[in-house]
Amino acid sequence: MMITMCLLTHVFWGVPIDLGPRLVRPMRKAHVSESSEARPRIPAVDLLDEQGNSLNLVHDLLEDYTVVISFVFTRCTTICPPLGATTATVAQQLKDAGLEGVRCLSITVDPGYDTPARLLMWKRRFGDLDNWRLLTGPKRDVNGAIEAMGFLTADKIDHSPMLLIGNYRSGRWRRVDGLSPVPEIMKVIAEMSAGPKPEAVQKSGRNGAPSERMRKAAPRDAGDPPHPYFPDNVLTDHQGRELRFYSDLMKGKTVVIQTFFTSCSSVCPQVLSRFAYLQDRLGSRLGEEVVLLSITVDPEIDTPRHLAEFAKDWKCRDGWHLLSGSPDRVREVLRVLGLKADRKEAHSNVFLMGNARTGLWKKAFGLGQQEELHRILESVIADRGAP
């Protein structure tokens, strides 16, 4: 019981969490909407950046620039990591293109916790670029600024994944899905700037060469990435099949993702029993419409051959993949999903449920009631996307 309770402290909530379509829509094309031509009444408050510098939001950060603004918080493990990765890629491409009149800003929706030091540590996960500032400050001032931009929510968990792109002097602003393909975001930036035409800023690096950041994020195979966020690393399942994570396992399907390790004797068996229950409830849809992905956090020990024996105990049918592979590739997948743990015993007990056709993602507690987990999964399967 003590071990179980310790592991549960690494889960953020003890009940299923419905992130809803308003939070994670990674698969949809860029959704762009022009906001009112009237300039938002953004307050000229003094905020702190991740270096602890006091900067006036209007006079120092907005007046002389086209800006790309996102809203994040460092304790978030769902939408904020991909937003951070997207923002870092945009900032890198802006820098490569020499566009000094455009900058990226990320404003915390959790100013009571996100000190400059915490923001700096979070930012360094994606790259310490000088044209990307993270901002915090007194809660009243931060919330006032976020409210003026139209993004304030009662609960930080419900914050928007949209980017606000605009030019303060012209008063033109647009909202863009923060998980849109980067070239689509760059097009909007170019349209909102007085700078070069869109095609001049779409290239990934100087002379059209992909930047180092984009090369690292690209799949192992040559060619364009199949998805702007999810990795396409080749992993190996318990049947010895080498499968690309996004292209072979996720694309066009609904997926449920969880982590485990075979030597775990406390929480993992309970979590895996929920997966076995979902397998039974899915029936013939398993493997065709829905796939279950169990990723080991101990790939050095949990080799595909080891997983093959383990799968027999759980009676895994085709469509439930126990995944291992090169430790570096496994850890990269876990990192992008927000499931990487410093110690295997501290791995997450959260299920990620996503509809890769529509981009709807929900998160549920893996030790929750079986019927409730099934209900959440069915709601993800049934999603038809935005009208």
Protein backbone atom coordinates (compact mmCIF):
# COMPACT_ATOMS: atom_id res chain seq x y z
CA MET A 1 0.00 0.00 0.00
CA MET A 2 2.83 2.40 0.81
CA ILE A 3 4.47 1.78 -2.57
CA THR A 4 1.17 2.33 -4.33
CA MET A 5 0.50 5.60 -2.54
CA CYS A 6 4.01 6.87 -3.33
CA LEU A 7 3.52 6.14 -7.01
CA LEU A 8 0.16 7.85 -7.03
CA THR A 9 1.79 11.12 -6.03
CA HIS A 10 3.20 11.32 -9.54
CA VAL A 11 -0.31 11.55 -11.00
CA PHE A 12 -1.77 15.04 -11.12
CA TRP A 13 -5.42 14.16 -10.49
CA GLY A 14 -7.19 11.20 -8.95
CA VAL A 15 -10.20 11.25 -11.28
CA PRO A 16 -10.54 11.02 -15.04
CA ILE A 17 -9.69 14.29 -16.77
CA ASP A 18 -11.56 15.36 -19.88
CA LEU A 19 -9.29 17.81 -21.65
CA GLY A 20 -11.88 18.22 -24.34
CA PRO A 21 -11.56 19.36 -27.92
CA ARG A 22 -10.72 22.91 -26.86
CA LEU A 23 -7.34 21.83 -25.52
CA VAL A 24 -5.62 19.38 -27.83
CA ARG A 25 -6.32 19.25 -31.56
CA PRO A 26 -2.95 18.23 -33.01
CA MET A 27 -4.26 16.61 -36.19
CA ARG A 28 -6.39 19.41 -37.61
CA LYS A 29 -5.28 21.87 -40.25
CA ALA A 30 -4.44 25.33 -39.04
CA HIS A 31 -7.53 27.05 -37.73
CA VAL A 32 -7.11 30.79 -38.23
CA SER A 33 -9.60 33.46 -37.25
CA GLU A 34 -9.25 37.20 -37.61
CA SER A 35 -10.12 38.96 -34.39
CA SER A 36 -11.67 42.40 -34.23
CA GLU A 37 -9.80 45.13 -36.06
CA ALA A 38 -10.10 47.18 -32.87
CA ARG A 39 -6.88 47.06 -30.92
CA PRO A 40 -7.24 44.98 -27.72
CA ARG A 41 -6.99 47.15 -24.60
CA ILE A 42 -3.84 45.40 -23.39
CA PRO A 43 -2.69 46.94 -20.10
CA ALA A 44 0.80 48.43 -19.90
CA VAL A 45 1.74 46.32 -16.87
CA ASP A 46 5.28 45.46 -15.78
CA LEU A 47 6.00 41.74 -15.93
CA LEU A 48 9.07 39.57 -15.32
CA ASP A 49 10.72 37.47 -17.99
CA GLU A 50 12.44 34.13 -17.36
CA GLN A 51 15.70 35.94 -16.59
CA GLY A 52 14.04 38.07 -13.90
CA ASN A 53 14.09 41.26 -16.01
CA SER A 54 11.23 43.69 -15.44
CA LEU A 55 9.64 44.57 -18.79
CA ASN A 56 6.60 46.63 -19.68
CA LEU A 57 4.21 44.45 -21.64
CA VAL A 58 3.22 47.17 -24.09
CA HIS A 59 6.23 49.47 -24.37
CA ASP A 60 9.01 46.87 -24.18
CA LEU A 61 7.39 43.78 -25.69
CA LEU A 62 4.52 44.71 -28.02
CA GLU A 63 4.83 48.20 -29.49
CA ASP A 64 7.68 47.64 -31.91
CA TYR A 65 7.13 44.01 -32.84
CA THR A 66 4.90 41.49 -34.48
CA VAL A 67 4.33 38.93 -31.74
CA VAL A 68 3.38 35.28 -31.40
CA ILE A 69 1.79 34.81 -27.97
CA SER A 70 1.05 31.48 -26.28
CA PHE A 71 -0.33 30.65 -22.85
CA VAL A 72 1.32 27.88 -20.81
CA PHE A 73 2.19 26.71 -17.31
CA THR A 74 5.20 24.66 -16.26
CA ARG A 75 3.32 21.96 -14.32
CA CYS A 76 1.22 21.06 -17.36
CA THR A 77 2.02 17.67 -18.90
CA THR A 78 -0.52 17.63 -21.73
CA ILE A 79 -0.88 20.58 -24.11
CA CYS A 80 1.96 22.81 -22.87
CA PRO A 81 4.95 20.61 -23.89
CA PRO A 82 3.81 20.48 -27.54
CA LEU A 83 3.04 24.22 -27.42
CA GLY A 84 6.56 24.80 -26.11
CA ALA A 85 8.06 22.65 -28.86
CA THR A 86 6.06 24.47 -31.53
CA THR A 87 6.99 27.90 -30.17
CA ALA A 88 10.68 26.97 -30.01
CA THR A 89 10.59 25.78 -33.63
CA VAL A 90 8.86 28.98 -34.75
CA ALA A 91 11.40 31.08 -32.83
CA GLN A 92 14.28 29.16 -34.40
CA GLN A 93 12.90 29.63 -37.91
CA LEU A 94 12.36 33.34 -37.29
CA LYS A 95 15.96 33.60 -36.14
CA ASP A 96 17.25 31.61 -39.12
CA ALA A 97 15.30 33.90 -41.47
CA GLY A 98 16.74 37.00 -39.79
CA LEU A 99 13.33 38.39 -38.83
CA GLU A 100 14.31 40.59 -35.90
CA GLY A 101 10.97 42.39 -35.89
CA VAL A 102 9.09 39.27 -34.77
CA ARG A 103 9.28 37.70 -31.33
CA CYS A 104 7.57 34.93 -29.40
CA LEU A 105 6.02 35.45 -25.97
CA SER A 106 4.65 32.79 -23.63
CA ILE A 107 2.59 34.04 -20.69
CA THR A 108 2.06 31.73 -17.73
CA VAL A 109 -1.51 31.04 -16.64
CA ASP A 110 -0.13 29.97 -13.24
CA PRO A 111 1.78 33.07 -12.05
CA GLY A 112 1.51 32.09 -8.39
CA TYR A 113 3.75 29.08 -9.03
CA ASP A 114 5.71 29.95 -12.17
CA THR A 115 8.60 32.07 -10.96
CA PRO A 116 11.18 33.32 -13.47
CA ALA A 117 13.50 30.49 -12.41
CA ARG A 118 10.84 27.84 -13.09
CA LEU A 119 10.03 29.40 -16.45
CA LEU A 120 13.72 29.41 -17.40
CA MET A 121 14.10 25.74 -16.48
CA TRP A 122 10.99 24.87 -18.52
CA LYS A 123 12.14 26.90 -21.51
CA ARG A 124 15.53 25.17 -21.61
CA ARG A 125 13.79 21.88 -22.36
CA PHE A 126 13.13 23.30 -25.82
CA GLY A 127 16.07 25.65 -26.37
CA ASP A 128 17.14 28.96 -24.82
CA LEU A 129 16.35 31.28 -27.76
CA ASP A 130 16.69 35.01 -27.20
CA ASN A 131 13.68 35.88 -29.40
CA TRP A 132 11.35 33.89 -27.14
CA ARG A 133 10.42 35.43 -23.78
CA LEU A 134 8.44 33.71 -21.02
CA LEU A 135 6.51 36.04 -18.74
CA THR A 136 5.16 35.98 -15.20
CA GLY A 137 4.46 38.54 -12.48
CA PRO A 138 1.80 39.53 -9.95
CA LYS A 139 -1.33 37.44 -10.50
CA ARG A 140 -3.54 40.50 -10.87
CA ASP A 141 -1.35 41.98 -13.61
CA VAL A 142 -0.83 38.69 -15.46
CA ASN A 143 -4.52 37.78 -15.39
CA GLY A 144 -5.46 41.31 -16.46
CA ALA A 145 -3.25 40.98 -19.53
CA ILE A 146 -4.55 37.51 -20.39
CA GLU A 147 -8.16 38.69 -19.96
CA ALA A 148 -7.55 41.68 -22.25
CA MET A 149 -6.32 39.27 -24.92
CA GLY A 150 -9.43 37.15 -24.51
CA PHE A 151 -7.74 34.02 -23.11
CA LEU A 152 -8.50 34.09 -19.36
CA THR A 153 -10.16 30.94 -17.95
CA ALA A 154 -11.41 30.13 -14.47
CA ASP A 155 -9.13 27.07 -14.27
CA LYS A 156 -5.61 26.96 -15.68
CA ILE A 157 -6.26 23.39 -16.85
CA ASP A 158 -8.77 24.82 -19.33
CA HIS A 159 -6.41 27.34 -20.90
CA SER A 160 -6.49 27.66 -24.66
CA PRO A 161 -3.97 26.01 -27.01
CA MET A 162 -4.44 28.86 -29.47
CA LEU A 163 -1.69 31.29 -30.44
CA LEU A 164 -2.42 35.00 -30.65
CA ILE A 165 -0.45 36.48 -33.55
CA GLY A 166 -0.58 40.19 -34.20
CA ASN A 167 0.95 43.60 -34.58
CA TYR A 168 0.18 46.06 -31.79
CA ARG A 169 0.62 49.19 -33.90
CA SER A 170 -1.60 48.02 -36.75
CA GLY A 171 -4.18 46.56 -34.38
CA ARG A 172 -4.50 43.38 -36.47
CA TRP A 173 -4.65 40.11 -34.52
CA ARG A 174 -5.31 36.51 -35.43
CA ARG A 175 -5.84 33.33 -33.42
CA VAL A 176 -4.15 30.20 -34.71
CA ASP A 177 -4.27 26.61 -33.44
CA GLY A 178 -1.01 26.22 -31.53
CA LEU A 179 -0.50 22.69 -32.85
CA SER A 180 -0.88 23.66 -36.50
CA PRO A 181 2.00 22.75 -38.82
CA VAL A 182 4.78 25.28 -38.36
CA PRO A 183 4.72 26.40 -42.03
CA GLU A 184 1.05 27.39 -41.57
CA ILE A 185 1.95 29.43 -38.49
CA MET A 186 4.80 31.07 -40.38
CA LYS A 187 2.42 32.09 -43.16
CA VAL A 188 0.19 33.90 -40.67
CA ILE A 189 3.22 35.60 -39.11
CA ALA A 190 4.30 36.83 -42.52
CA GLU A 191 0.81 38.14 -43.28
CA MET A 192 0.68 40.03 -39.98
CA SER A 193 4.14 41.52 -40.42
CA ALA A 194 5.32 44.32 -42.61
CA GLY A 195 8.29 42.12 -43.48
CA PRO A 196 8.96 39.60 -46.26
CA LYS A 197 6.34 37.61 -48.15
CA PRO A 198 5.15 34.30 -46.66
CA GLU A 199 7.35 32.19 -48.90
CA ALA A 200 10.42 33.98 -47.57
CA VAL A 201 9.88 32.71 -44.04
CA GLN A 202 8.63 29.20 -44.72
CA LYS A 203 12.07 27.70 -45.16
CA SER A 204 13.39 25.84 -42.17
CA GLY A 205 16.86 27.34 -42.19
CA ARG A 206 19.36 29.32 -44.21
CA ASN A 207 19.45 28.43 -47.91
CA GLY A 208 16.40 26.24 -47.39
CA ALA A 209 18.27 23.67 -45.28
CA PRO A 210 16.41 22.29 -42.27
CA SER A 211 17.58 23.72 -38.95
CA GLU A 212 19.37 21.49 -36.47
CA ARG A 213 16.29 21.57 -34.22
CA MET A 214 14.06 20.34 -37.04
CA ARG A 215 16.49 17.61 -38.01
CA LYS A 216 16.43 16.29 -34.46
CA ALA A 217 12.64 16.34 -34.38
CA ALA A 218 12.28 14.60 -37.75
CA PRO A 219 11.61 10.86 -38.04
CA ARG A 220 14.41 8.43 -38.59
CA ASP A 221 13.51 7.96 -42.28
CA ALA A 222 14.28 10.61 -44.90
CA GLY A 223 11.58 12.96 -46.08
CA ASP A 224 9.20 15.37 -44.43
CA PRO A 225 7.89 14.58 -40.94
CA PRO A 226 4.48 12.84 -41.15
CA HIS A 227 3.22 14.91 -38.21
CA PRO A 228 4.41 18.22 -36.75
CA TYR A 229 4.37 16.98 -33.18
CA PHE A 230 4.22 13.21 -32.74
CA PRO A 231 7.51 11.39 -33.40
CA ASP A 232 7.83 8.62 -35.95
CA ASN A 233 10.58 6.69 -34.18
CA VAL A 234 10.75 3.02 -35.05
CA LEU A 235 9.83 0.87 -32.02
CA THR A 236 9.47 -2.91 -31.77
CA ASP A 237 6.37 -4.61 -30.42
CA HIS A 238 6.12 -7.88 -28.52
CA GLN A 239 5.70 -9.79 -31.77
CA GLY A 240 9.03 -8.50 -33.06
CA ARG A 241 7.44 -6.14 -35.58
CA GLU A 242 9.28 -2.86 -36.23
CA LEU A 243 6.65 -0.13 -36.35
CA ARG A 244 6.83 3.62 -36.85
CA PHE A 245 5.20 5.24 -33.85
CA TYR A 246 2.96 7.69 -35.66
CA SER A 247 2.66 6.35 -39.22
CA ASP A 248 2.07 2.69 -38.34
CA LEU A 249 0.44 2.86 -34.92
CA MET A 250 -1.45 6.16 -34.64
CA LYS A 251 -2.36 7.60 -38.02
CA GLY A 252 -6.09 7.48 -38.72
CA LYS A 253 -6.91 5.61 -35.50
CA THR A 254 -7.99 6.17 -31.94
CA VAL A 255 -5.20 5.26 -29.52
CA VAL A 256 -4.87 4.66 -25.81
CA ILE A 257 -1.33 5.05 -24.49
CA GLN A 258 0.09 4.05 -21.10
CA THR A 259 3.48 3.19 -19.60
CA PHE A 260 4.62 0.18 -17.57
CA PHE A 261 7.57 -2.12 -16.86
CA THR A 262 7.42 -5.88 -16.52
CA SER A 263 9.21 -6.18 -13.17
CA CYS A 264 6.68 -3.87 -11.49
CA SER A 265 4.57 -5.77 -8.96
CA SER A 266 2.53 -2.92 -7.47
CA VAL A 267 0.65 -0.50 -9.72
CA CYS A 268 1.45 -1.82 -13.22
CA PRO A 269 -0.61 -5.04 -12.92
CA GLN A 270 -3.63 -2.99 -11.84
CA VAL A 271 -3.21 -0.53 -14.71
CA LEU A 272 -2.67 -3.32 -17.25
CA SER A 273 -5.83 -5.04 -16.02
CA ARG A 274 -7.73 -1.91 -17.16
CA PHE A 275 -6.11 -2.27 -20.58
CA ALA A 276 -7.20 -5.91 -20.69
CA TYR A 277 -10.73 -4.80 -19.83
CA LEU A 278 -10.70 -2.20 -22.64
CA GLN A 279 -9.38 -4.87 -25.02
CA ASP A 280 -12.39 -7.06 -24.24
CA ARG A 281 -14.87 -4.19 -24.57
CA LEU A 282 -13.48 -3.11 -27.95
CA GLY A 283 -14.11 -6.49 -29.56
CA SER A 284 -13.58 -6.48 -33.33
CA ARG A 285 -12.73 -2.76 -33.34
CA LEU A 286 -9.38 -3.51 -31.72
CA GLY A 287 -6.63 -3.16 -34.28
CA GLU A 288 -8.95 -1.77 -36.93
CA GLU A 289 -10.34 1.39 -35.39
CA VAL A 290 -8.60 1.47 -32.02
CA VAL A 291 -5.11 0.45 -30.86
CA LEU A 292 -3.79 0.04 -27.34
CA LEU A 293 -0.15 1.04 -26.82
CA SER A 294 1.75 -0.02 -23.70
CA ILE A 295 5.25 1.50 -23.75
CA THR A 296 7.89 0.14 -21.41
CA VAL A 297 9.87 2.62 -19.32
CA ASP A 298 12.57 -0.04 -18.89
CA PRO A 299 13.62 -0.85 -22.49
CA GLU A 300 17.04 -2.21 -21.46
CA ILE A 301 15.34 -5.08 -19.59
CA ASP A 302 12.02 -5.26 -21.41
CA THR A 303 13.27 -6.47 -24.77
CA PRO A 304 10.75 -7.60 -27.42
CA ARG A 305 11.51 -11.24 -26.55
CA HIS A 306 10.84 -10.53 -22.88
CA LEU A 307 7.64 -8.70 -23.78
CA ALA A 308 6.48 -11.65 -25.89
CA GLU A 309 6.33 -13.85 -22.78
CA PHE A 310 4.72 -11.06 -20.79
CA ALA A 311 2.05 -10.58 -23.47
CA LYS A 312 0.98 -14.22 -23.12
CA ASP A 313 0.12 -13.63 -19.47
CA TRP A 314 -2.14 -10.74 -20.43
CA LYS A 315 -3.62 -12.50 -23.49
CA CYS A 316 -2.82 -9.54 -25.73
CA ARG A 317 -4.72 -9.71 -29.00
CA ASP A 318 -3.64 -8.09 -32.25
CA GLY A 319 -4.15 -4.37 -31.76
CA TRP A 320 -2.65 -4.24 -28.27
CA HIS A 321 1.04 -3.51 -28.73
CA LEU A 322 3.62 -3.85 -25.95
CA LEU A 323 6.40 -1.57 -27.21
CA SER A 324 10.13 -1.48 -26.61
CA GLY A 325 13.19 -0.76 -28.74
CA SER A 326 16.29 1.38 -28.70
CA PRO A 327 16.36 3.14 -25.28
CA ASP A 328 17.04 6.49 -26.95
CA ARG A 329 14.07 6.11 -29.29
CA VAL A 330 11.76 4.93 -26.53
CA ARG A 331 12.74 7.82 -24.27
CA GLU A 332 12.25 10.33 -27.07
CA VAL A 333 8.70 9.09 -27.64
CA LEU A 334 7.97 9.24 -23.91
CA ARG A 335 9.44 12.74 -23.69
CA VAL A 336 7.24 14.09 -26.46
CA LEU A 337 4.16 12.49 -24.92
CA GLY A 338 4.98 14.00 -21.51
CA LEU A 339 5.40 10.50 -20.02
CA LYS A 340 9.16 10.40 -19.48
CA ALA A 341 10.18 9.68 -15.88
CA ASP A 342 13.59 10.01 -14.22
CA ARG A 343 13.06 6.63 -12.54
CA LYS A 344 10.97 3.77 -13.85
CA GLU A 345 9.21 3.48 -10.48
CA ALA A 346 7.97 7.06 -10.92
CA HIS A 347 6.32 6.55 -14.30
CA SER A 348 2.89 8.02 -14.94
CA ASN A 349 -0.32 6.08 -14.33
CA VAL A 350 -2.27 8.30 -16.70
CA PHE A 351 -3.91 7.03 -19.91
CA LEU A 352 -3.65 9.27 -22.95
CA MET A 353 -6.66 8.72 -25.21
CA GLY A 354 -6.59 10.38 -28.60
CA ASN A 355 -8.48 10.40 -31.85
CA ALA A 356 -5.76 10.95 -34.45
CA ARG A 357 -8.35 11.62 -37.18
CA THR A 358 -9.94 14.59 -35.41
CA GLY A 359 -7.24 15.62 -32.96
CA LEU A 360 -9.34 15.17 -29.82
CA TRP A 361 -7.29 14.10 -26.77
CA LYS A 362 -8.40 13.25 -23.27
CA LYS A 363 -6.52 12.12 -20.20
CA ALA A 364 -7.78 9.60 -17.64
CA PHE A 365 -6.44 8.12 -14.42
CA GLY A 366 -5.27 4.57 -15.16
CA LEU A 367 -6.42 3.29 -11.78
CA GLY A 368 -9.92 4.68 -12.22
CA GLN A 369 -13.08 2.63 -12.52
CA GLN A 370 -13.03 0.35 -15.56
CA GLU A 371 -16.48 1.44 -16.72
CA GLU A 372 -15.50 5.12 -16.51
CA LEU A 373 -12.34 4.52 -18.54
CA HIS A 374 -14.44 2.77 -21.17
CA ARG A 375 -16.92 5.66 -21.23
CA ILE A 376 -14.14 8.20 -21.81
CA LEU A 377 -12.63 6.07 -24.56
CA GLU A 378 -15.97 5.73 -26.34
CA SER A 379 -16.39 9.51 -26.29
CA VAL A 380 -13.00 9.89 -27.98
CA ILE A 381 -13.83 7.23 -30.59
CA ALA A 382 -17.15 8.94 -31.33
CA ASP A 383 -15.65 12.38 -31.93
CA ARG A 384 -16.38 13.71 -35.40
CA GLY A 385 -14.26 16.83 -35.20
CA ALA A 386 -15.16 20.46 -35.56
CA PRO A 387 -18.30 21.16 -37.61
